[in-house]
C-alpha atoms as a PDB file:
ATOM      1  CA  MET A   1       5.269 -36.209  36.264  1.00  0.00           C
ATOM      2  CA  ALA A   2       4.522 -33.159  38.430  1.00  0.00           C
ATOM      3  CA  ARG A   3       0.895 -32.768  39.828  1.00  0.00           C
ATOM      4  CA  PHE A   4      -0.581 -29.386  40.955  1.00  0.00           C
ATOM      5  CA  ASP A   5      -3.158 -28.246  43.411  1.00  0.00           C
ATOM      6  CA  ASP A   6      -5.884 -25.768  42.636  1.00  0.00           C
ATOM      7  CA  ASP A   7      -3.555 -22.803  43.231  1.00  0.00           C
ATOM      8  CA  GLY A   8      -0.970 -24.052  40.706  1.00  0.00           C
ATOM      9  CA  LEU A   9       1.548 -25.167  43.094  1.00  0.00           C
ATOM     10  CA  ALA A  10       3.102 -28.595  42.627  1.00  0.00           C
ATOM     11  CA  ILE A  11       2.205 -31.383  45.171  1.00  0.00           C
ATOM     12  CA  VAL A  12       4.393 -33.618  43.472  1.00  0.00           C
ATOM     13  CA  SER A  13       7.715 -32.535  41.799  1.00  0.00           C
ATOM     14  CA  GLY A  14       8.433 -33.498  38.304  1.00  0.00           C
ATOM     15  CA  TRP A  15       8.351 -32.694  34.580  1.00  0.00           C
ATOM     16  CA  VAL A  16       5.269 -31.280  32.950  1.00  0.00           C
ATOM     17  CA  ALA A  17       4.635 -29.812  29.480  1.00  0.00           C
ATOM     18  CA  VAL A  18       4.235 -26.043  29.561  1.00  0.00           C
ATOM     19  CA  TYR A  19       3.016 -23.518  26.980  1.00  0.00           C
ATOM     20  CA  ARG A  20       5.128 -20.302  26.964  1.00  0.00           C
ATOM     21  CA  CYS A  21       4.266 -16.652  25.873  1.00  0.00           C
ATOM     22  CA  HIS A  22       6.294 -13.677  24.955  1.00  0.00           C
ATOM     23  CA  PRO A  23       6.574 -11.522  28.305  1.00  0.00           C
ATOM     24  CA  GLU A  24       5.763  -8.272  26.555  1.00  0.00           C
ATOM     25  CA  THR A  25       3.383  -9.067  23.475  1.00  0.00           C
ATOM     26  CA  ARG A  26       1.905 -12.125  25.391  1.00  0.00           C
ATOM     27  CA  GLU A  27       2.060 -13.982  22.184  1.00  0.00           C
ATOM     28  CA  TYR A  28       2.524 -17.955  22.247  1.00  0.00           C
ATOM     29  CA  ILE A  29       6.057 -18.734  21.498  1.00  0.00           C
ATOM     30  CA  GLY A  30       6.015 -22.581  21.807  1.00  0.00           C
ATOM     31  CA  ALA A  31       5.812 -25.620  24.164  1.00  0.00           C
ATOM     32  CA  ASP A  32       8.542 -27.395  26.145  1.00  0.00           C
ATOM     33  CA  MET A  33       9.041 -29.484  29.159  1.00  0.00           C
ATOM     34  CA  ASP A  34       9.724 -27.807  32.616  1.00  0.00           C
ATOM     35  CA  HIS A  35      10.926 -29.485  35.830  1.00  0.00           C
ATOM     36  CA  VAL A  36       8.740 -28.091  38.728  1.00  0.00           C
ATOM     37  CA  PRO A  37       9.729 -28.871  42.336  1.00  0.00           C
ATOM     38  CA  ARG A  38       7.287 -29.579  44.895  1.00  0.00           C
ATOM     39  CA  GLY A  39       5.634 -26.331  46.277  1.00  0.00           C
ATOM     40  CA  PHE A  40       6.573 -24.120  43.192  1.00  0.00           C
ATOM     41  CA  SER A  41       4.672 -23.272  40.351  1.00  0.00           C
ATOM     42  CA  VAL A  42       5.596 -23.311  36.585  1.00  0.00           C
ATOM     43  CA  ALA A  43       8.050 -20.476  35.392  1.00  0.00           C
ATOM     44  CA  ALA A  44       6.742 -17.050  34.578  1.00  0.00           C
ATOM     45  CA  ASN A  45       5.029 -16.645  31.359  1.00  0.00           C
ATOM     46  CA  ALA A  46       4.571 -20.508  31.115  1.00  0.00           C
ATOM     47  CA  TYR A  47       1.106 -22.190  31.334  1.00  0.00           C
ATOM     48  CA  LEU A  48      -0.150 -25.739  31.785  1.00  0.00           C
ATOM     49  CA  ASP A  49      -3.219 -25.174  29.354  1.00  0.00           C
ATOM     50  CA  ALA A  50      -2.381 -25.875  25.677  1.00  0.00           C
ATOM     51  CA  PRO A  51      -3.535 -23.359  23.285  1.00  0.00           C
ATOM     52  CA  GLU A  52      -6.007 -23.940  20.367  1.00  0.00           C
ATOM     53  CA  LEU A  53      -4.136 -23.722  17.077  1.00  0.00           C
ATOM     54  CA  PRO A  54      -5.900 -21.130  14.596  1.00  0.00           C
ATOM     55  CA  GLY A  55      -7.306 -22.221  11.234  1.00  0.00           C
ATOM     56  CA  THR A  56      -5.760 -19.261   9.550  1.00  0.00           C
ATOM     57  CA  HIS A  57      -2.470 -17.378   9.169  1.00  0.00           C
ATOM     58  CA  ASP A  58      -3.865 -14.101   9.949  1.00  0.00           C
ATOM     59  CA  VAL A  59      -4.358 -15.054  13.703  1.00  0.00           C
ATOM     60  CA  ALA A  60      -1.960 -14.826  16.584  1.00  0.00           C
ATOM     61  CA  ILE A  61      -2.374 -16.915  19.754  1.00  0.00           C
ATOM     62  CA  CYS A  62      -1.892 -14.621  22.736  1.00  0.00           C
ATOM     63  CA  ARG A  63      -2.383 -15.096  26.570  1.00  0.00           C
ATOM     64  CA  SER A  64      -5.352 -13.120  27.950  1.00  0.00           C
ATOM     65  CA  GLY A  65      -4.686 -10.221  30.223  1.00  0.00           C
ATOM     66  CA  ASP A  66      -5.859 -12.007  33.344  1.00  0.00           C
ATOM     67  CA  GLU A  67      -3.568 -14.877  32.369  1.00  0.00           C
ATOM     68  CA  LYS A  68      -6.481 -17.548  32.628  1.00  0.00           C
ATOM     69  CA  SER A  69      -6.666 -18.430  28.944  1.00  0.00           C
ATOM     70  CA  TRP A  70      -5.324 -18.377  25.599  1.00  0.00           C
ATOM     71  CA  ARG A  71      -7.155 -16.222  22.868  1.00  0.00           C
ATOM     72  CA  HIS A  72      -6.836 -15.669  19.222  1.00  0.00           C
ATOM     73  CA  VAL A  73      -5.866 -12.200  17.999  1.00  0.00           C
ATOM     74  CA  PRO A  74      -5.808 -10.804  14.607  1.00  0.00           C
ATOM     75  CA  ASP A  75      -2.352 -10.658  13.174  1.00  0.00           C
ATOM     76  CA  TYR A  76      -1.588  -8.602  10.186  1.00  0.00           C
ATOM     77  CA  ARG A  77       2.263  -8.262  10.883  1.00  0.00           C
ATOM     78  CA  SER A  78       4.322  -7.812   7.574  1.00  0.00           C
ATOM     79  CA  LYS A  79       1.177  -6.773   5.802  1.00  0.00           C
ATOM     80  CA  THR A  80       0.478  -3.504   4.337  1.00  0.00           C
ATOM     81  CA  ALA A  81      -2.442  -1.453   5.384  1.00  0.00           C
ATOM     82  CA  TYR A  82      -3.670   1.858   4.066  1.00  0.00           C
ATOM     83  CA  THR A  83      -4.835   4.871   5.909  1.00  0.00           C
ATOM     84  CA  THR A  84      -8.394   5.550   5.053  1.00  0.00           C
ATOM     85  CA  ASP A  85      -7.815   9.367   4.894  1.00  0.00           C
ATOM     86  CA  THR A  86      -5.003   9.698   2.625  1.00  0.00           C
ATOM     87  CA  GLY A  87      -4.371   5.997   1.282  1.00  0.00           C
ATOM     88  CA  ARG A  88      -0.739   6.214   2.620  1.00  0.00           C
ATOM     89  CA  PRO A  89       0.608   2.719   3.015  1.00  0.00           C
ATOM     90  CA  ILE A  90       1.641   1.592   6.420  1.00  0.00           C
ATOM     91  CA  ASN A  91       3.650  -1.633   7.341  1.00  0.00           C
ATOM     92  CA  ILE A  92       1.765  -3.388  10.266  1.00  0.00           C
ATOM     93  CA  THR A  93       4.224  -4.405  12.887  1.00  0.00           C
ATOM     94  CA  ALA A  94       2.138  -5.266  15.916  1.00  0.00           C
ATOM     95  CA  ILE A  95      -0.443  -7.848  16.773  1.00  0.00           C
ATOM     96  CA  GLY A  96      -4.067  -6.859  16.986  1.00  0.00           C
ATOM     97  CA  ALA A  97      -7.096  -5.639  15.156  1.00  0.00           C
ATOM     98  CA  LEU A  98      -6.584  -2.841  12.685  1.00  0.00           C
ATOM     99  CA  PRO A  99      -7.727   0.622  14.043  1.00  0.00           C
ATOM    100  CA  ASP A 100     -10.810   2.048  12.161  1.00  0.00           C
ATOM    101  CA  ASN A 101      -8.593   4.451  10.014  1.00  0.00           C
ATOM    102  CA  LEU A 102      -6.812   1.619   8.436  1.00  0.00           C
ATOM    103  CA  THR A 103      -7.634  -1.031   5.792  1.00  0.00           C
ATOM    104  CA  LEU A 104      -5.781  -3.957   4.185  1.00  0.00           C
ATOM    105  CA  GLN A 105      -7.616  -3.024   0.684  1.00  0.00           C
ATOM    106  CA  SER A 106      -5.174  -0.869  -1.400  1.00  0.00           C
ATOM    107  CA  PRO A 107      -6.414   2.194  -3.387  1.00  0.00           C
ATOM    108  CA  GLN A 108      -6.418   1.573  -7.158  1.00  0.00           C
ATOM    109  CA  THR A 109      -5.610   5.236  -7.958  1.00  0.00           C
ATOM    110  CA  PRO A 110      -4.258   8.253  -6.327  1.00  0.00           C
ATOM    111  CA  PHE A 111      -7.611   9.810  -6.656  1.00  0.00           C
ATOM    112  CA  ASP A 112      -9.530   7.168  -4.466  1.00  0.00           C
ATOM    113  CA  LYS A 113     -11.485   8.074  -1.415  1.00  0.00           C
ATOM    114  CA  TRP A 114     -12.676   5.767   1.286  1.00  0.00           C
ATOM    115  CA  GLU A 115     -16.487   5.695   1.278  1.00  0.00           C
ATOM    116  CA  ASN A 116     -18.710   2.879   2.782  1.00  0.00           C
ATOM    117  CA  LYS A 117     -15.907   0.522   3.663  1.00  0.00           C
ATOM    118  CA  GLN A 118     -14.478   0.691   0.187  1.00  0.00           C
ATOM    119  CA  TRP A 119     -12.257   2.746  -1.955  1.00  0.00           C
ATOM    120  CA  VAL A 120     -13.972   4.982  -4.618  1.00  0.00           C
ATOM    121  CA  THR A 121     -12.321   6.740  -7.414  1.00  0.00           C
ATOM    122  CA  ASP A 122     -13.076  10.494  -7.135  1.00  0.00           C
ATOM    123  CA  LYS A 123     -13.887  10.618 -11.004  1.00  0.00           C
ATOM    124  CA  SER A 124     -13.812  14.517 -10.901  1.00  0.00           C
ATOM    125  CA  ALA A 125     -10.285  14.739  -9.359  1.00  0.00           C
ATOM    126  CA  LEU A 126      -9.062  11.888 -11.794  1.00  0.00           C
ATOM    127  CA  LYS A 127     -10.544  13.903 -14.720  1.00  0.00           C
ATOM    128  CA  SER A 128      -8.852  17.090 -13.554  1.00  0.00           C
ATOM    129  CA  HIS A 129      -5.671  15.449 -13.252  1.00  0.00           C
ATOM    130  CA  GLN A 130      -5.936  13.874 -16.654  1.00  0.00           C
ATOM    131  CA  ILE A 131      -6.634  17.313 -18.315  1.00  0.00           C
ATOM    132  CA  GLU A 132      -3.652  18.796 -16.507  1.00  0.00           C
ATOM    133  CA  GLN A 133      -1.633  16.108 -17.794  1.00  0.00           C
ATOM    134  CA  ALA A 134      -2.857  16.729 -21.210  1.00  0.00           C
ATOM    135  CA  GLU A 135      -2.214  20.560 -21.076  1.00  0.00           C
ATOM    136  CA  GLN A 136       1.413  19.730 -19.951  1.00  0.00           C
ATOM    137  CA  GLN A 137       1.537  17.523 -23.098  1.00  0.00           C
ATOM    138  CA  LYS A 138       0.165  20.078 -25.388  1.00  0.00           C
ATOM    139  CA  ILE A 139       2.733  22.688 -24.045  1.00  0.00           C
ATOM    140  CA  SER A 140       5.444  20.380 -24.688  1.00  0.00           C
ATOM    141  CA  LEU A 141       4.315  19.416 -28.291  1.00  0.00           C
ATOM    142  CA  GLN A 142       3.990  23.246 -28.976  1.00  0.00           C
ATOM    143  CA  GLN A 143       7.438  23.884 -27.702  1.00  0.00           C
ATOM    144  CA  GLN A 144       8.810  21.167 -29.890  1.00  0.00           C
ATOM    145  CA  ALA A 145       6.940  22.608 -32.999  1.00  0.00           C
ATOM    146  CA  ASP A 146       8.123  26.113 -32.200  1.00  0.00           C
ATOM    147  CA  ALA A 147      11.748  24.756 -32.019  1.00  0.00           C
ATOM    148  CA  ALA A 148      11.424  23.125 -35.339  1.00  0.00           C
ATOM    149  CA  ILE A 149       9.746  26.160 -36.977  1.00  0.00           C
ATOM    150  CA  LYS A 150      11.987  28.800 -35.824  1.00  0.00           C
ATOM    151  CA  PRO A 151      15.039  27.788 -37.941  1.00  0.00           C
ATOM    152  CA  LEU A 152      12.885  27.001 -40.910  1.00  0.00           C
ATOM    153  CA  GLN A 153      11.186  30.367 -40.512  1.00  0.00           C
ATOM    154  CA  ASP A 154      14.697  32.159 -40.321  1.00  0.00           C
ATOM    155  CA  ALA A 155      15.682  30.525 -43.566  1.00  0.00           C
ATOM    156  CA  ILE A 156      12.431  31.846 -45.215  1.00  0.00           C
ATOM    157  CA  ASP A 157      12.926  35.383 -43.778  1.00  0.00           C
ATOM    158  CA  LEU A 158      16.508  35.442 -45.230  1.00  0.00           C
ATOM    159  CA  ASP A 159      15.208  34.174 -48.381  1.00  0.00           C
ATOM    160  CA  ILE A 160      17.732  31.256 -48.295  1.00  0.00           C
ATOM    161  CA  ALA A 161      15.292  28.311 -47.779  1.00  0.00           C
ATOM    162  CA  THR A 162      15.538  25.297 -49.864  1.00  0.00           C
ATOM    163  CA  ASP A 163      12.140  23.772 -51.305  1.00  0.00           C
ATOM    164  CA  THR A 164      12.519  21.079 -48.644  1.00  0.00           C
ATOM    165  CA  GLU A 165      12.769  23.614 -45.790  1.00  0.00           C
ATOM    166  CA  LYS A 166       9.777  25.579 -47.213  1.00  0.00           C
ATOM    167  CA  SER A 167       7.652  22.337 -47.377  1.00  0.00           C
ATOM    168  CA  ALA A 168       8.819  21.322 -43.918  1.00  0.00           C
ATOM    169  CA  LEU A 169       7.973  24.880 -42.436  1.00  0.00           C
ATOM    170  CA  VAL A 170       4.425  24.422 -43.834  1.00  0.00           C
ATOM    171  CA  GLU A 171       3.920  21.017 -42.270  1.00  0.00           C
ATOM    172  CA  TRP A 172       5.324  21.967 -39.084  1.00  0.00           C
ATOM    173  CA  LYS A 173       2.937  25.157 -38.878  1.00  0.00           C
ATOM    174  CA  LYS A 174      -0.021  22.914 -39.756  1.00  0.00           C
ATOM    175  CA  TYR A 175       1.252  20.426 -36.847  1.00  0.00           C
ATOM    176  CA  ARG A 176       1.327  23.292 -34.677  1.00  0.00           C
ATOM    177  CA  VAL A 177      -2.226  24.327 -35.371  1.00  0.00           C
ATOM    178  CA  ARG A 178      -3.477  20.916 -34.964  1.00  0.00           C
ATOM    179  CA  VAL A 179      -1.970  20.515 -31.622  1.00  0.00           C
ATOM    180  CA  ASN A 180      -3.393  23.834 -30.692  1.00  0.00           C
ATOM    181  CA  ARG A 181      -6.966  22.615 -31.580  1.00  0.00           C
ATOM    182  CA  VAL A 182      -6.673  19.608 -29.428  1.00  0.00           C
ATOM    183  CA  ASP A 183      -9.740  19.256 -27.151  1.00  0.00           C
ATOM    184  CA  LEU A 184      -8.329  18.666 -23.617  1.00  0.00           C
ATOM    185  CA  SER A 185     -11.598  17.667 -22.284  1.00  0.00           C
ATOM    186  CA  THR A 186     -11.260  14.416 -23.926  1.00  0.00           C
ATOM    187  CA  ALA A 187      -8.325  13.398 -22.035  1.00  0.00           C
ATOM    188  CA  PRO A 188      -7.059  10.915 -21.349  1.00  0.00           C
ATOM    189  CA  ASP A 189      -8.411   9.541 -24.715  1.00  0.00           C
ATOM    190  CA  ILE A 190      -6.657  12.143 -26.990  1.00  0.00           C
ATOM    191  CA  ASN A 191      -5.466  11.371 -30.437  1.00  0.00           C
ATOM    192  CA  TRP A 192      -2.335  13.583 -30.681  1.00  0.00           C
ATOM    193  CA  PRO A 193      -1.399  14.783 -34.143  1.00  0.00           C
ATOM    194  CA  GLU A 194       1.566  13.118 -35.733  1.00  0.00           C
ATOM    195  CA  GLN A 195       4.656  15.353 -35.944  1.00  0.00           C
ATOM    196  CA  PRO A 196       6.112  15.853 -39.421  1.00  0.00           C
ATOM    197  CA  ALA A 197       8.842  13.459 -40.359  1.00  0.00           C
END
């Protein structure tokens, strides 16, 4: 078994357990045995001191910048973080703490804003969006009613309408009026009128 002096050079050649790190990320990549000849040190990116294993999966073991010790570093790789200014998701690919403008908390709605280290729904923006959606629904229902009424009205105007068509025209006109009277400010809790059969 190899023995080393205070400068890390082998005074006795032999095999020794070494703990390796990645040359760029400095992340611990594993242990193995290394044969060290007398007068030499262990290979580059290999160290004699064993790292302490972390107690959680969100921590990586990395060699310190001065190469004197192992340190635990936050590791959120393969997790999704969210930008606190837009809520946009970002896949984390690097070791290290998250920057201040990222969080692992996901926004619950497109109208969430980051306040006091949490997402808070902008209720005014959400309500405006819900009303806008209700306006689009109202327009769509009115167009459907107009499309149903037009041929029925033509039959009436030409005095060729059947009793069924006359009745259907009245029901579709009532429906169109009920749609027009819908209070959009109650969105999203709107009870839309039923279309005539």
